Amino acid sequence: MSNAQQAVTKAVIPAAGLGTRFLPATKATPKEMLPVVDKPAIQYVVEEAVAAGLSDVLMITGRNKRPLEDHFDRNYELESALVAKGDDDRLKKVQESSDLATMHYVRQGDPRGLGHAVLCAAPHVGDQPFAVLLGDDLIDPRDPLLAKMVEVQHRTGGSVIALMEVEPAQIHLYGCAAVEATEDEDVVHITGLVEKPEPSEAPSNYAIIGRYVLNPAVFDVLRETEPGRGGEIQLTDALQQLAADETVGGPVHGVVFKGRRYDTGDRGDYLKAIVRLASEREDLGPEFRAWLRGYVTEELHEGAGE
């Protein structure tokens, strides 16, 4: 069976970062475990993978990441206490995380960049296409980006990258893609990639966001990729090589995402994500929105009086 025909069943989630932007909260707590309303950010990412049909999840971790493993494991003492109380609702919530998927873990060791983290997954993934989901990007479940990417990869082979249009002045914050249109309005053919270009040198305003469905040929390329920006092995550099020579691992396509995305790697955007998601919850939204309207009105009134 060719790579284009193989089903994508494995997801890789790099989670070895130190989370320094959230210190001191992340001094003893992994940033992936910071709550977004009432679930840790990482659970949203695993749920997204499962919703796209990926039942096997490998987390690339590092030191002090044991809470990640504990969260997706059974907690029999807590479950027994909830059973004794007859608290079925909370029991269900506790069990959801341990029943989501088949979870695996491997330590990255040296923090040598995203490309190196992906390469750590090679023994587990083997010779089949796989998805990579970055934990700082939360994609709203009502906008199924990953499922679309898996479908495109199954149809075209090669690799598929998630793209998002950004203001040209912001493109230096992202990896950037040079693209050609295809018959599918939301799918582009990628001819080149560059990491965090200056706006004047950017080939487009299509920014790479944290979702990939990759051909396993990327592993051989990563093994030969020299460290780039910051002394790290950049996944973008490896994907650039695949885009430049499609005989290595097939074409590279991009799915242009126009849905709802929450960046939990930035403190301000993290707070916005909590507010937006809480506002839209059936159980929390009505009361929270009423409070929020009052708070904003009061702040505007006080601001106008200054």
C-alpha atoms as a PDB file:
ATOM      1  CA  MET A   1       0.000   0.000   0.000  1.00  0.00           C
ATOM      2  CA  SER A   2       1.430   3.434  -0.933  1.00  0.00           C
ATOM      3  CA  ASN A   3       1.723   6.289   1.523  1.00  0.00           C
ATOM      4  CA  ALA A   4      -1.057   8.090  -0.345  1.00  0.00           C
ATOM      5  CA  GLN A   5      -3.404   5.190   0.418  1.00  0.00           C
ATOM      6  CA  GLN A   6      -2.407   4.553   4.022  1.00  0.00           C
ATOM      7  CA  ALA A   7      -4.779   5.776   6.682  1.00  0.00           C
ATOM      8  CA  VAL A   8      -3.399   8.335   9.116  1.00  0.00           C
ATOM      9  CA  THR A   9      -3.880   6.888  12.595  1.00  0.00           C
ATOM     10  CA  LYS A  10      -0.989   8.337  14.608  1.00  0.00           C
ATOM     11  CA  ALA A  11      -0.669  11.811  16.074  1.00  0.00           C
ATOM     12  CA  VAL A  12       2.515  13.325  17.473  1.00  0.00           C
ATOM     13  CA  ILE A  13       2.253  16.169  19.994  1.00  0.00           C
ATOM     14  CA  PRO A  14       5.531  17.906  20.890  1.00  0.00           C
ATOM     15  CA  ALA A  15       5.275  18.932  24.556  1.00  0.00           C
ATOM     16  CA  ALA A  16       8.837  19.357  25.792  1.00  0.00           C
ATOM     17  CA  GLY A  17       8.915  23.166  25.936  1.00  0.00           C
ATOM     18  CA  LEU A  18       9.675  25.006  29.179  1.00  0.00           C
ATOM     19  CA  GLY A  19       6.801  27.482  28.947  1.00  0.00           C
ATOM     20  CA  THR A  20       8.945  30.404  30.053  1.00  0.00           C
ATOM     21  CA  ARG A  21       6.406  32.992  28.893  1.00  0.00           C
ATOM     22  CA  PHE A  22       4.068  31.812  31.653  1.00  0.00           C
ATOM     23  CA  LEU A  23       6.497  31.865  34.554  1.00  0.00           C
ATOM     24  CA  PRO A  24       6.088  31.565  37.494  1.00  0.00           C
ATOM     25  CA  ALA A  25       2.932  29.494  36.785  1.00  0.00           C
ATOM     26  CA  THR A  26       5.000  27.001  34.787  1.00  0.00           C
ATOM     27  CA  LYS A  27       7.827  26.672  37.292  1.00  0.00           C
ATOM     28  CA  ALA A  28       6.380  23.364  38.545  1.00  0.00           C
ATOM     29  CA  THR A  29       3.392  22.889  36.198  1.00  0.00           C
ATOM     30  CA  PRO A  30       3.792  22.092  32.477  1.00  0.00           C
ATOM     31  CA  LYS A  31       2.373  24.866  30.314  1.00  0.00           C
ATOM     32  CA  GLU A  32       0.280  22.247  28.518  1.00  0.00           C
ATOM     33  CA  MET A  33      -1.567  21.633  31.790  1.00  0.00           C
ATOM     34  CA  LEU A  34      -2.652  25.239  32.260  1.00  0.00           C
ATOM     35  CA  PRO A  35      -6.464  25.246  32.273  1.00  0.00           C
ATOM     36  CA  VAL A  36      -8.556  26.663  29.464  1.00  0.00           C
ATOM     37  CA  VAL A  37     -11.832  27.083  31.357  1.00  0.00           C
ATOM     38  CA  ASP A  38     -11.947  23.659  33.069  1.00  0.00           C
ATOM     39  CA  LYS A  39      -9.746  21.438  30.920  1.00  0.00           C
ATOM     40  CA  PRO A  40      -5.981  21.592  30.439  1.00  0.00           C
ATOM     41  CA  ALA A  41      -4.963  22.994  27.071  1.00  0.00           C
ATOM     42  CA  ILE A  42      -3.394  19.700  26.011  1.00  0.00           C
ATOM     43  CA  GLN A  43      -6.697  17.831  26.334  1.00  0.00           C
ATOM     44  CA  TYR A  44      -8.282  20.015  23.654  1.00  0.00           C
ATOM     45  CA  VAL A  45      -5.437  19.036  21.314  1.00  0.00           C
ATOM     46  CA  VAL A  46      -5.817  15.303  21.985  1.00  0.00           C
ATOM     47  CA  GLU A  47      -9.589  15.582  21.511  1.00  0.00           C
ATOM     48  CA  GLU A  48      -8.979  17.248  18.150  1.00  0.00           C
ATOM     49  CA  ALA A  49      -6.754  14.387  17.024  1.00  0.00           C
ATOM     50  CA  VAL A  50      -9.321  11.806  18.109  1.00  0.00           C
ATOM     51  CA  ALA A  51     -12.135  13.676  16.346  1.00  0.00           C
ATOM     52  CA  ALA A  52     -10.106  13.450  13.108  1.00  0.00           C
ATOM     53  CA  GLY A  53      -9.843   9.666  13.474  1.00  0.00           C
ATOM     54  CA  LEU A  54      -6.384   9.419  15.051  1.00  0.00           C
ATOM     55  CA  SER A  55      -6.527   6.872  17.844  1.00  0.00           C
ATOM     56  CA  ASP A  56      -2.787   6.600  18.640  1.00  0.00           C
ATOM     57  CA  VAL A  57      -1.156   9.633  20.279  1.00  0.00           C
ATOM     58  CA  LEU A  58       2.559  10.025  21.009  1.00  0.00           C
ATOM     59  CA  MET A  59       3.635  12.928  23.217  1.00  0.00           C
ATOM     60  CA  ILE A  60       7.211  14.151  23.001  1.00  0.00           C
ATOM     61  CA  THR A  61       7.967  15.252  26.540  1.00  0.00           C
ATOM     62  CA  GLY A  62      10.865  16.343  28.724  1.00  0.00           C
ATOM     63  CA  ARG A  63      11.737  16.759  32.366  1.00  0.00           C
ATOM     64  CA  ASN A  64       8.945  17.847  34.731  1.00  0.00           C
ATOM     65  CA  LYS A  65       6.247  16.686  32.301  1.00  0.00           C
ATOM     66  CA  ARG A  66       4.998  13.780  34.414  1.00  0.00           C
ATOM     67  CA  PRO A  67       1.645  15.558  35.076  1.00  0.00           C
ATOM     68  CA  LEU A  68       0.819  15.076  31.389  1.00  0.00           C
ATOM     69  CA  GLU A  69       1.077  11.313  31.761  1.00  0.00           C
ATOM     70  CA  ASP A  70      -0.894  11.388  34.992  1.00  0.00           C
ATOM     71  CA  HIS A  71      -3.710  13.401  33.418  1.00  0.00           C
ATOM     72  CA  PHE A  72      -4.300  10.849  30.662  1.00  0.00           C
ATOM     73  CA  ASP A  73      -3.963   7.909  33.035  1.00  0.00           C
ATOM     74  CA  ARG A  74      -6.598   6.436  35.354  1.00  0.00           C
ATOM     75  CA  ASN A  75      -6.951   7.899  38.852  1.00  0.00           C
ATOM     76  CA  TYR A  76      -8.625   5.063  40.710  1.00  0.00           C
ATOM     77  CA  GLU A  77      -8.603   6.794  44.098  1.00  0.00           C
ATOM     78  CA  LEU A  78     -10.395   9.861  42.731  1.00  0.00           C
ATOM     79  CA  GLU A  79     -12.796   7.748  40.695  1.00  0.00           C
ATOM     80  CA  SER A  80     -13.675   5.641  43.743  1.00  0.00           C
ATOM     81  CA  ALA A  81     -14.356   8.766  45.785  1.00  0.00           C
ATOM     82  CA  LEU A  82     -16.670  10.126  43.075  1.00  0.00           C
ATOM     83  CA  VAL A  83     -18.465   6.771  42.793  1.00  0.00           C
ATOM     84  CA  ALA A  84     -19.001   6.751  46.560  1.00  0.00           C
ATOM     85  CA  LYS A  85     -20.530  10.224  46.355  1.00  0.00           C
ATOM     86  CA  GLY A  86     -22.716   9.256  43.419  1.00  0.00           C
ATOM     87  CA  ASP A  87     -21.186  12.138  41.433  1.00  0.00           C
ATOM     88  CA  ASP A  88     -21.616  10.653  37.981  1.00  0.00           C
ATOM     89  CA  ASP A  89     -21.114  13.935  36.094  1.00  0.00           C
ATOM     90  CA  ARG A  90     -17.652  14.592  37.519  1.00  0.00           C
ATOM     91  CA  LEU A  91     -16.760  10.911  37.263  1.00  0.00           C
ATOM     92  CA  LYS A  92     -17.486  11.035  33.552  1.00  0.00           C
ATOM     93  CA  LYS A  93     -15.286  14.116  33.136  1.00  0.00           C
ATOM     94  CA  VAL A  94     -12.414  12.461  34.999  1.00  0.00           C
ATOM     95  CA  GLN A  95     -12.659   9.289  32.907  1.00  0.00           C
ATOM     96  CA  GLU A  96     -12.907  11.124  29.578  1.00  0.00           C
ATOM     97  CA  SER A  97      -9.219  12.012  29.481  1.00  0.00           C
ATOM     98  CA  SER A  98      -8.057   8.446  30.203  1.00  0.00           C
ATOM     99  CA  ASP A  99     -10.426   6.919  27.632  1.00  0.00           C
ATOM    100  CA  LEU A 100      -9.681   9.306  24.745  1.00  0.00           C
ATOM    101  CA  ALA A 101      -6.904   7.463  22.906  1.00  0.00           C
ATOM    102  CA  THR A 102      -4.011   5.071  23.212  1.00  0.00           C
ATOM    103  CA  MET A 103      -1.322   7.309  24.713  1.00  0.00           C
ATOM    104  CA  HIS A 104       2.451   6.908  24.389  1.00  0.00           C
ATOM    105  CA  TYR A 105       5.317   9.046  25.653  1.00  0.00           C
ATOM    106  CA  VAL A 106       8.962   9.562  24.741  1.00  0.00           C
ATOM    107  CA  ARG A 107      11.410  12.125  26.096  1.00  0.00           C
ATOM    108  CA  GLN A 108      13.120  14.497  23.713  1.00  0.00           C
ATOM    109  CA  GLY A 109      16.205  14.866  25.899  1.00  0.00           C
ATOM    110  CA  ASP A 110      18.104  17.762  24.346  1.00  0.00           C
ATOM    111  CA  PRO A 111      15.743  20.631  23.414  1.00  0.00           C
ATOM    112  CA  ARG A 112      16.954  20.962  19.833  1.00  0.00           C
ATOM    113  CA  GLY A 113      13.858  22.353  18.169  1.00  0.00           C
ATOM    114  CA  LEU A 114      10.625  21.205  16.603  1.00  0.00           C
ATOM    115  CA  GLY A 115      12.363  19.236  13.864  1.00  0.00           C
ATOM    116  CA  HIS A 116      14.289  17.247  16.463  1.00  0.00           C
ATOM    117  CA  ALA A 117      11.099  16.636  18.464  1.00  0.00           C
ATOM    118  CA  VAL A 118       9.393  15.235  15.370  1.00  0.00           C
ATOM    119  CA  LEU A 119      12.427  13.060  14.647  1.00  0.00           C
ATOM    120  CA  CYS A 120      12.064  11.540  18.124  1.00  0.00           C
ATOM    121  CA  ALA A 121       8.769  10.067  16.904  1.00  0.00           C
ATOM    122  CA  ALA A 122      10.368   8.077  14.053  1.00  0.00           C
ATOM    123  CA  PRO A 123      10.625   4.695  15.861  1.00  0.00           C
ATOM    124  CA  HIS A 124       6.976   4.909  16.918  1.00  0.00           C
ATOM    125  CA  VAL A 125       5.550   6.192  13.643  1.00  0.00           C
ATOM    126  CA  GLY A 126       7.464   3.908  11.293  1.00  0.00           C
ATOM    127  CA  ASP A 127       6.788   4.063   7.566  1.00  0.00           C
ATOM    128  CA  GLN A 128       3.356   5.676   7.496  1.00  0.00           C
ATOM    129  CA  PRO A 129       1.974   9.203   7.281  1.00  0.00           C
ATOM    130  CA  PHE A 130       1.281  10.874  10.606  1.00  0.00           C
ATOM    131  CA  ALA A 131      -0.065  14.099  12.062  1.00  0.00           C
ATOM    132  CA  VAL A 132       1.768  16.646  14.198  1.00  0.00           C
ATOM    133  CA  LEU A 133      -0.254  18.928  16.446  1.00  0.00           C
ATOM    134  CA  LEU A 134       1.373  21.794  18.342  1.00  0.00           C
ATOM    135  CA  GLY A 135      -0.176  22.378  21.733  1.00  0.00           C
ATOM    136  CA  ASP A 136      -0.116  26.184  21.609  1.00  0.00           C
ATOM    137  CA  ASP A 137      -2.666  26.227  18.785  1.00  0.00           C
ATOM    138  CA  LEU A 138      -6.203  25.310  19.814  1.00  0.00           C
ATOM    139  CA  ILE A 139      -8.525  24.797  16.862  1.00  0.00           C
ATOM    140  CA  ASP A 140     -12.224  25.172  17.551  1.00  0.00           C
ATOM    141  CA  PRO A 141     -13.915  21.752  17.208  1.00  0.00           C
ATOM    142  CA  ARG A 142     -16.617  23.364  15.074  1.00  0.00           C
ATOM    143  CA  ASP A 143     -13.951  24.049  12.421  1.00  0.00           C
ATOM    144  CA  PRO A 144     -12.462  20.594  11.693  1.00  0.00           C
ATOM    145  CA  LEU A 145      -9.120  21.569  10.166  1.00  0.00           C
ATOM    146  CA  LEU A 146      -7.234  18.339  10.848  1.00  0.00           C
ATOM    147  CA  ALA A 147      -9.900  16.138   9.274  1.00  0.00           C
ATOM    148  CA  LYS A 148      -9.625  18.189   6.065  1.00  0.00           C
ATOM    149  CA  MET A 149      -5.835  17.865   6.116  1.00  0.00           C
ATOM    150  CA  VAL A 150      -6.020  14.095   6.573  1.00  0.00           C
ATOM    151  CA  GLU A 151      -8.411  13.873   3.612  1.00  0.00           C
ATOM    152  CA  VAL A 152      -6.080  15.932   1.408  1.00  0.00           C
ATOM    153  CA  GLN A 153      -3.062  13.834   2.370  1.00  0.00           C
ATOM    154  CA  HIS A 154      -4.948  10.620   1.636  1.00  0.00           C
ATOM    155  CA  ARG A 155      -5.845  11.981  -1.812  1.00  0.00           C
ATOM    156  CA  THR A 156      -2.523  13.536  -2.803  1.00  0.00           C
ATOM    157  CA  GLY A 157       0.122  11.728  -0.749  1.00  0.00           C
ATOM    158  CA  GLY A 158       3.075  13.808   0.314  1.00  0.00           C
ATOM    159  CA  SER A 159       2.668  16.211   3.204  1.00  0.00           C
ATOM    160  CA  VAL A 160       0.027  18.771   4.159  1.00  0.00           C
ATOM    161  CA  ILE A 161       0.551  21.930   6.218  1.00  0.00           C
ATOM    162  CA  ALA A 162      -2.038  24.195   7.820  1.00  0.00           C
ATOM    163  CA  LEU A 163      -1.864  27.802   6.629  1.00  0.00           C
ATOM    164  CA  MET A 164      -3.571  30.983   7.733  1.00  0.00           C
ATOM    165  CA  GLU A 165      -3.596  34.387   6.095  1.00  0.00           C
ATOM    166  CA  VAL A 166      -2.099  37.081   8.343  1.00  0.00           C
ATOM    167  CA  GLU A 167      -1.407  40.769   7.971  1.00  0.00           C
ATOM    168  CA  PRO A 168       1.831  41.226   5.986  1.00  0.00           C
ATOM    169  CA  ALA A 169       3.384  43.114   8.908  1.00  0.00           C
ATOM    170  CA  GLN A 170       2.892  40.013  11.104  1.00  0.00           C
ATOM    171  CA  ILE A 171       4.439  37.427   8.783  1.00  0.00           C
ATOM    172  CA  HIS A 172       7.865  37.733  10.454  1.00  0.00           C
ATOM    173  CA  LEU A 173       6.372  35.925  13.459  1.00  0.00           C
ATOM    174  CA  TYR A 174       5.655  32.750  11.461  1.00  0.00           C
ATOM    175  CA  GLY A 175       6.976  30.310   8.932  1.00  0.00           C
ATOM    176  CA  CYS A 176       5.780  31.475   5.513  1.00  0.00           C
ATOM    177  CA  ALA A 177       4.783  29.551   2.370  1.00  0.00           C
ATOM    178  CA  ALA A 178       5.151  30.306  -1.329  1.00  0.00           C
ATOM    179  CA  VAL A 179       2.020  28.861  -2.930  1.00  0.00           C
ATOM    180  CA  GLU A 180       0.236  28.054  -6.179  1.00  0.00           C
ATOM    181  CA  ALA A 181      -3.534  27.718  -6.495  1.00  0.00           C
ATOM    182  CA  THR A 182      -5.222  24.350  -7.033  1.00  0.00           C
ATOM    183  CA  GLU A 183      -8.717  23.370  -8.126  1.00  0.00           C
ATOM    184  CA  ASP A 184      -9.750  23.293  -4.467  1.00  0.00           C
ATOM    185  CA  GLU A 185     -10.239  26.840  -3.189  1.00  0.00           C
ATOM    186  CA  ASP A 186      -8.982  25.977   0.303  1.00  0.00           C
ATOM    187  CA  VAL A 187      -5.962  23.916  -0.844  1.00  0.00           C
ATOM    188  CA  VAL A 188      -2.740  25.315  -2.297  1.00  0.00           C
ATOM    189  CA  HIS A 189       0.386  23.703  -3.708  1.00  0.00           C
ATOM    190  CA  ILE A 190       3.437  24.773  -1.703  1.00  0.00           C
ATOM    191  CA  THR A 191       6.570  25.500  -3.730  1.00  0.00           C
ATOM    192  CA  GLY A 192       8.745  26.903  -0.950  1.00  0.00           C
ATOM    193  CA  LEU A 193       8.919  27.702   2.767  1.00  0.00           C
ATOM    194  CA  VAL A 194      10.898  30.212   4.783  1.00  0.00           C
ATOM    195  CA  GLU A 195      11.082  30.590   8.558  1.00  0.00           C
ATOM    196  CA  LYS A 196      10.117  34.031   9.977  1.00  0.00           C
ATOM    197  CA  PRO A 197      10.988  36.182   6.947  1.00  0.00           C
ATOM    198  CA  GLU A 198      11.110  39.965   6.968  1.00  0.00           C
ATOM    199  CA  PRO A 199       7.876  41.335   5.458  1.00  0.00           C
ATOM    200  CA  SER A 200       9.759  42.707   2.446  1.00  0.00           C
ATOM    201  CA  GLU A 201      11.178  39.238   1.702  1.00  0.00           C
ATOM    202  CA  ALA A 202       8.098  37.117   2.426  1.00  0.00           C
ATOM    203  CA  PRO A 203       6.773  35.197  -0.612  1.00  0.00           C
ATOM    204  CA  SER A 204       3.168  35.575   0.627  1.00  0.00           C
ATOM    205  CA  ASN A 205       1.099  36.339   3.704  1.00  0.00           C
ATOM    206  CA  TYR A 206       0.286  32.653   4.227  1.00  0.00           C
ATOM    207  CA  ALA A 207       1.590  31.721   7.680  1.00  0.00           C
ATOM    208  CA  ILE A 208       2.200  28.172   8.907  1.00  0.00           C
ATOM    209  CA  ILE A 209       0.157  27.279  11.973  1.00  0.00           C
ATOM    210  CA  GLY A 210       0.629  24.291  14.225  1.00  0.00           C
ATOM    211  CA  ARG A 211      -0.943  21.421  12.290  1.00  0.00           C
ATOM    212  CA  TYR A 212       0.880  19.075   9.907  1.00  0.00           C
ATOM    213  CA  VAL A 213       0.160  15.749   8.214  1.00  0.00           C
ATOM    214  CA  LEU A 214       3.544  14.445   7.130  1.00  0.00           C
ATOM    215  CA  ASN A 215       4.929  11.826   4.809  1.00  0.00           C
ATOM    216  CA  PRO A 216       7.431   9.610   6.704  1.00  0.00           C
ATOM    217  CA  ALA A 217      10.116  10.674   4.215  1.00  0.00           C
ATOM    218  CA  VAL A 218      10.449  13.752   6.430  1.00  0.00           C
ATOM    219  CA  PHE A 219      12.416  11.649   8.945  1.00  0.00           C
ATOM    220  CA  ASP A 220      15.291  10.984   6.526  1.00  0.00           C
ATOM    221  CA  VAL A 221      15.386  14.662   5.612  1.00  0.00           C
ATOM    222  CA  LEU A 222      15.409  15.716   9.279  1.00  0.00           C
ATOM    223  CA  ARG A 223      18.337  13.407   9.988  1.00  0.00           C
ATOM    224  CA  GLU A 224      20.359  15.360   7.420  1.00  0.00           C
ATOM    225  CA  THR A 225      19.044  18.828   8.304  1.00  0.00           C
ATOM    226  CA  GLU A 226      21.617  21.127   9.862  1.00  0.00           C
ATOM    227  CA  PRO A 227      20.600  23.267  12.839  1.00  0.00           C
ATOM    228  CA  GLY A 228      19.185  26.597  11.723  1.00  0.00           C
ATOM    229  CA  ARG A 229      17.788  29.611  13.549  1.00  0.00           C
ATOM    230  CA  GLY A 230      18.666  29.485  17.254  1.00  0.00           C
ATOM    231  CA  GLY A 231      20.820  26.387  16.788  1.00  0.00           C
ATOM    232  CA  GLU A 232      17.668  24.270  16.460  1.00  0.00           C
ATOM    233  CA  ILE A 233      16.643  21.732  13.837  1.00  0.00           C
ATOM    234  CA  GLN A 234      13.738  23.444  12.108  1.00  0.00           C
ATOM    235  CA  LEU A 235      10.855  21.408  10.725  1.00  0.00           C
ATOM    236  CA  THR A 236      10.311  24.205   8.203  1.00  0.00           C
ATOM    237  CA  ASP A 237      13.775  23.590   6.718  1.00  0.00           C
ATOM    238  CA  ALA A 238      12.991  19.904   6.177  1.00  0.00           C
ATOM    239  CA  LEU A 239       9.616  20.692   4.617  1.00  0.00           C
ATOM    240  CA  GLN A 240      11.311  23.205   2.327  1.00  0.00           C
ATOM    241  CA  GLN A 241      13.501  20.387   1.008  1.00  0.00           C
ATOM    242  CA  LEU A 242      10.452  18.185   0.430  1.00  0.00           C
ATOM    243  CA  ALA A 243       8.710  21.026  -1.410  1.00  0.00           C
ATOM    244  CA  ALA A 244      11.795  21.636  -3.558  1.00  0.00           C
ATOM    245  CA  ASP A 245      12.168  17.966  -4.586  1.00  0.00           C
ATOM    246  CA  GLU A 246       8.854  16.105  -4.783  1.00  0.00           C
ATOM    247  CA  THR A 247      10.621  12.871  -5.756  1.00  0.00           C
ATOM    248  CA  VAL A 248      11.720  12.508  -2.112  1.00  0.00           C
ATOM    249  CA  GLY A 249       8.364  12.396  -0.365  1.00  0.00           C
ATOM    250  CA  GLY A 250       5.675  13.575  -2.736  1.00  0.00           C
ATOM    251  CA  PRO A 251       4.178  17.059  -3.025  1.00  0.00           C
ATOM    252  CA  VAL A 252       3.595  19.491  -0.181  1.00  0.00           C
ATOM    253  CA  HIS A 253       0.153  21.059   0.011  1.00  0.00           C
ATOM    254  CA  GLY A 254      -1.384  23.597   2.323  1.00  0.00           C
ATOM    255  CA  VAL A 255      -4.916  23.793   3.683  1.00  0.00           C
ATOM    256  CA  VAL A 256      -5.901  27.429   4.190  1.00  0.00           C
ATOM    257  CA  PHE A 257      -7.708  27.685   7.511  1.00  0.00           C
ATOM    258  CA  LYS A 258     -10.345  30.385   7.927  1.00  0.00           C
ATOM    259  CA  GLY A 259     -11.928  29.159  11.146  1.00  0.00           C
ATOM    260  CA  ARG A 260     -11.498  29.838  14.843  1.00  0.00           C
ATOM    261  CA  ARG A 261      -8.023  29.415  16.320  1.00  0.00           C
ATOM    262  CA  TYR A 262      -6.830  30.214  19.823  1.00  0.00           C
ATOM    263  CA  ASP A 263      -3.159  30.832  20.589  1.00  0.00           C
ATOM    264  CA  THR A 264      -2.545  29.638  24.145  1.00  0.00           C
ATOM    265  CA  GLY A 265       1.192  30.212  23.905  1.00  0.00           C
ATOM    266  CA  ASP A 266       0.726  33.963  24.311  1.00  0.00           C
ATOM    267  CA  ARG A 267      -0.550  35.299  27.640  1.00  0.00           C
ATOM    268  CA  GLY A 268      -2.944  37.808  26.118  1.00  0.00           C
ATOM    269  CA  ASP A 269      -4.340  35.364  23.568  1.00  0.00           C
ATOM    270  CA  TYR A 270      -4.576  32.701  26.271  1.00  0.00           C
ATOM    271  CA  LEU A 271      -6.887  34.962  28.266  1.00  0.00           C
ATOM    272  CA  LYS A 272      -8.918  35.746  25.138  1.00  0.00           C
ATOM    273  CA  ALA A 273      -9.314  32.015  24.477  1.00  0.00           C
ATOM    274  CA  ILE A 274     -10.675  31.430  27.968  1.00  0.00           C
ATOM    275  CA  VAL A 275     -13.148  34.304  27.637  1.00  0.00           C
ATOM    276  CA  ARG A 276     -14.353  33.214  24.199  1.00  0.00           C
ATOM    277  CA  LEU A 277     -14.720  29.542  25.071  1.00  0.00           C
ATOM    278  CA  ALA A 278     -16.386  30.251  28.414  1.00  0.00           C
ATOM    279  CA  SER A 279     -18.784  32.698  26.760  1.00  0.00           C
ATOM    280  CA  GLU A 280     -19.924  30.032  24.307  1.00  0.00           C
ATOM    281  CA  ARG A 281     -20.469  27.274  26.870  1.00  0.00           C
ATOM    282  CA  GLU A 282     -24.107  26.385  27.502  1.00  0.00           C
ATOM    283  CA  ASP A 283     -23.474  25.821  31.205  1.00  0.00           C
ATOM    284  CA  LEU A 284     -21.325  28.921  31.808  1.00  0.00           C
ATOM    285  CA  GLY A 285     -22.064  31.279  28.940  1.00  0.00           C
ATOM    286  CA  PRO A 286     -25.326  33.049  29.879  1.00  0.00           C
ATOM    287  CA  GLU A 287     -24.228  34.098  33.368  1.00  0.00           C
ATOM    288  CA  PHE A 288     -20.649  34.831  32.296  1.00  0.00           C
ATOM    289  CA  ARG A 289     -21.720  36.968  29.319  1.00  0.00           C
ATOM    290  CA  ALA A 290     -24.074  38.970  31.524  1.00  0.00           C
ATOM    291  CA  TRP A 291     -21.250  39.653  33.980  1.00  0.00           C
ATOM    292  CA  LEU A 292     -18.857  40.472  31.140  1.00  0.00           C
ATOM    293  CA  ARG A 293     -21.248  42.996  29.584  1.00  0.00           C
ATOM    294  CA  GLY A 294     -21.639  44.723  32.923  1.00  0.00           C
ATOM    295  CA  TYR A 295     -17.908  44.747  33.560  1.00  0.00           C
ATOM    296  CA  VAL A 296     -17.060  46.152  30.130  1.00  0.00           C
ATOM    297  CA  THR A 297     -19.779  48.797  30.383  1.00  0.00           C
ATOM    298  CA  GLU A 298     -18.457  49.858  33.769  1.00  0.00           C
ATOM    299  CA  GLU A 299     -14.889  50.027  32.508  1.00  0.00           C
ATOM    300  CA  LEU A 300     -15.925  52.103  29.486  1.00  0.00           C
ATOM    301  CA  HIS A 301     -17.902  54.449  31.709  1.00  0.00           C
ATOM    302  CA  GLU A 302     -14.980  54.912  34.101  1.00  0.00           C
ATOM    303  CA  GLY A 303     -12.577  55.371  31.189  1.00  0.00           C
ATOM    304  CA  ALA A 304     -14.770  58.068  29.662  1.00  0.00           C
ATOM    305  CA  GLY A 305     -14.802  59.908  32.978  1.00  0.00           C
ATOM    306  CA  GLU A 306     -11.022  60.125  33.294  1.00  0.00           C
END
